[in-house]
Amino acid sequence: MLRFASLIFTAMAFMGPLLRLATWPPSRFEKATSSAVENFVYDLVLYLWPTQPLAVIESNASRALAGLVAVGGNVLLFLVLGLLVGAASKRRGALTFVYAAVCGFLILIGLWGSGYDIEHLAWFPLITAMVLYAVPFWLVHRAARATYSI
């Protein structure tokens, strides 16, 4: 189960970077959509790619190194999350606890992004991200249920 969970979550690690790549450059995406869609995608990418702020090293390093650090950090983060989910998959309560912790982390990211002002928290991208995160949790749960008959 650890291998399956780590593969599923490692694959999910690329959702944020791929979404950013699909909407690159921002200026072109900005012209093609409304500001509401642009803000939604911007916030959703932050939720799906929580290590994206590591790319700030671009100012001191190359663009390629900044991308490698930001994407590599996300892959590592999701790999660790996948291992945690795989280890917790035998018990439904543990799996629920890990998912709740991830949702709590997403809320903290949202609060940080809104300047800790709940009025400016981007709820729609946050809820969308929580649903997207639920998919690999559900897949691991289903596979564990089939394997362990829980």
Protein backbone atom coordinates (compact mmCIF):
# COMPACT_ATOMS: atom_id res chain seq x y z
CA MET A 1 0.00 0.00 0.00
CA LEU A 2 2.92 2.35 0.67
CA ARG A 3 4.11 2.06 -2.92
CA PHE A 4 0.64 2.67 -4.37
CA ALA A 5 0.00 5.67 -2.11
CA SER A 6 3.40 7.20 -2.81
CA LEU A 7 2.88 6.82 -6.57
CA ILE A 8 -0.59 8.38 -6.46
CA PHE A 9 0.56 11.34 -4.37
CA THR A 10 3.78 11.83 -6.35
CA ALA A 11 1.67 12.07 -9.49
CA MET A 12 -0.55 14.62 -7.75
CA ALA A 13 2.54 16.71 -6.98
CA PHE A 14 2.64 17.72 -10.64
CA MET A 15 -0.94 19.10 -10.76
CA GLY A 16 0.02 22.56 -9.52
CA PRO A 17 3.09 22.97 -11.74
CA LEU A 18 1.19 21.67 -14.77
CA LEU A 19 -1.69 24.05 -14.11
CA ARG A 20 0.80 26.93 -13.85
CA LEU A 21 2.49 25.78 -17.06
CA ALA A 22 -0.88 25.62 -18.84
CA THR A 23 -1.62 29.22 -17.84
CA TRP A 24 1.86 30.56 -18.63
CA PRO A 25 2.65 33.33 -19.31
CA PRO A 26 0.31 35.03 -16.87
CA SER A 27 -0.03 38.08 -19.10
CA ARG A 28 -1.49 36.01 -21.95
CA PHE A 29 -3.78 34.08 -19.59
CA GLU A 30 -4.85 37.39 -18.06
CA LYS A 31 -5.95 38.71 -21.43
CA ALA A 32 -7.84 35.52 -22.32
CA THR A 33 -9.87 35.26 -19.12
CA SER A 34 -11.56 37.38 -16.49
CA SER A 35 -9.81 38.56 -13.36
CA ALA A 36 -12.02 36.21 -11.30
CA VAL A 37 -10.77 33.17 -13.25
CA GLU A 38 -7.20 34.44 -13.07
CA ASN A 39 -7.43 34.89 -9.28
CA PHE A 40 -9.04 31.46 -8.89
CA VAL A 41 -6.24 29.76 -10.84
CA TYR A 42 -3.56 31.73 -9.01
CA ASP A 43 -4.92 30.65 -5.62
CA LEU A 44 -5.56 27.07 -6.73
CA VAL A 45 -1.97 26.74 -7.94
CA LEU A 46 -0.75 27.93 -4.54
CA TYR A 47 -2.87 25.24 -2.83
CA LEU A 48 -1.76 22.49 -5.21
CA TRP A 49 1.86 23.61 -5.29
CA PRO A 50 2.62 24.73 -1.73
CA THR A 51 6.38 24.79 -2.38
CA GLN A 52 6.00 27.27 -5.25
CA PRO A 53 7.25 30.18 -3.09
CA LEU A 54 10.65 28.41 -3.02
CA ALA A 55 11.06 29.60 -6.62
CA VAL A 56 11.94 33.01 -5.17
CA ILE A 57 15.56 31.81 -5.29
CA GLU A 58 15.41 32.72 -8.98
CA SER A 59 16.67 36.16 -8.00
CA ASN A 60 19.90 34.58 -6.70
CA ALA A 61 20.07 31.52 -8.92
CA SER A 62 19.00 30.50 -12.39
CA ARG A 63 15.40 30.06 -13.47
CA ALA A 64 16.04 26.35 -14.06
CA LEU A 65 17.39 25.85 -10.54
CA ALA A 66 14.46 27.76 -9.05
CA GLY A 67 12.01 25.55 -10.97
CA LEU A 68 13.86 22.42 -9.94
CA VAL A 69 13.81 23.42 -6.27
CA ALA A 70 10.14 24.43 -6.32
CA VAL A 71 8.90 21.38 -8.26
CA GLY A 72 11.33 18.99 -6.56
CA GLY A 73 10.28 20.26 -3.16
CA ASN A 74 6.64 19.67 -4.10
CA VAL A 75 7.40 16.13 -5.26
CA LEU A 76 9.24 15.43 -2.01
CA LEU A 77 6.41 16.91 0.06
CA PHE A 78 3.79 14.83 -1.75
CA LEU A 79 5.95 11.70 -1.57
CA VAL A 80 6.15 12.06 2.21
CA LEU A 81 2.40 12.70 2.33
CA GLY A 82 1.82 9.59 0.21
CA LEU A 83 3.94 7.51 2.59
CA LEU A 84 1.94 8.86 5.55
CA VAL A 85 -1.33 8.10 3.80
CA GLY A 86 -0.12 4.63 2.86
CA ALA A 87 0.87 3.92 6.45
CA ALA A 88 -2.47 5.27 7.71
CA SER A 89 -4.52 3.42 5.10
CA LYS A 90 -5.08 0.36 7.29
CA ARG A 91 -7.24 2.38 9.68
CA ARG A 92 -10.02 4.65 8.48
CA GLY A 93 -9.69 6.94 11.50
CA ALA A 94 -5.98 7.48 10.84
CA LEU A 95 -6.65 8.21 7.19
CA THR A 96 -9.34 10.72 8.14
CA PHE A 97 -6.94 12.37 10.60
CA VAL A 98 -4.24 12.76 7.91
CA TYR A 99 -6.78 14.23 5.49
CA ALA A 100 -8.01 16.66 8.17
CA ALA A 101 -4.39 17.67 8.84
CA VAL A 102 -3.86 18.33 5.12
CA CYS A 103 -7.05 20.43 5.02
CA GLY A 104 -5.80 22.35 8.07
CA PHE A 105 -2.52 22.96 6.27
CA LEU A 106 -4.43 24.24 3.22
CA ILE A 107 -6.41 26.61 5.44
CA LEU A 108 -3.13 27.93 6.89
CA ILE A 109 -1.79 28.48 3.37
CA GLY A 110 -5.01 30.32 2.49
CA LEU A 111 -4.80 32.48 5.59
CA TRP A 112 -1.15 33.26 4.85
CA GLY A 113 -2.09 34.19 1.27
CA SER A 114 -4.88 36.45 2.49
CA GLY A 115 -2.69 38.24 5.00
CA TYR A 116 -4.43 36.35 7.82
CA ASP A 117 -7.65 38.19 7.01
CA ILE A 118 -10.56 35.74 6.84
CA GLU A 119 -12.57 38.22 4.75
CA HIS A 120 -10.02 37.95 1.94
CA LEU A 121 -9.62 34.17 2.13
CA ALA A 122 -10.23 32.64 -1.31
CA TRP A 123 -12.89 30.08 -0.34
CA PHE A 124 -13.74 28.67 -3.76
CA PRO A 125 -10.15 27.71 -4.68
CA LEU A 126 -9.63 26.41 -1.14
CA ILE A 127 -12.67 24.12 -1.30
CA THR A 128 -11.72 23.04 -4.83
CA ALA A 129 -8.24 22.12 -3.60
CA MET A 130 -9.70 20.16 -0.68
CA VAL A 131 -11.85 18.17 -3.11
CA LEU A 132 -8.86 17.57 -5.40
CA TYR A 133 -6.79 16.39 -2.42
CA ALA A 134 -9.63 14.06 -1.41
CA VAL A 135 -9.31 12.11 -4.69
CA PRO A 136 -5.96 10.41 -3.95
CA PHE A 137 -7.06 9.83 -0.34
CA TRP A 138 -10.18 8.11 -1.65
CA LEU A 139 -8.15 6.03 -4.14
CA VAL A 140 -5.80 4.85 -1.40
CA HIS A 141 -8.75 4.14 0.89
CA ARG A 142 -10.46 2.04 -1.80
CA ALA A 143 -7.28 0.13 -2.55
CA ALA A 144 -6.65 -0.47 1.15
CA ARG A 145 -10.21 -1.62 1.67
CA ALA A 146 -9.81 -4.12 -1.14
CA THR A 147 -6.44 -5.26 0.21
CA TYR A 148 -7.11 -5.29 3.96
CA SER A 149 -10.90 -5.73 3.88
CA ILE A 150 -11.55 -2.84 6.28
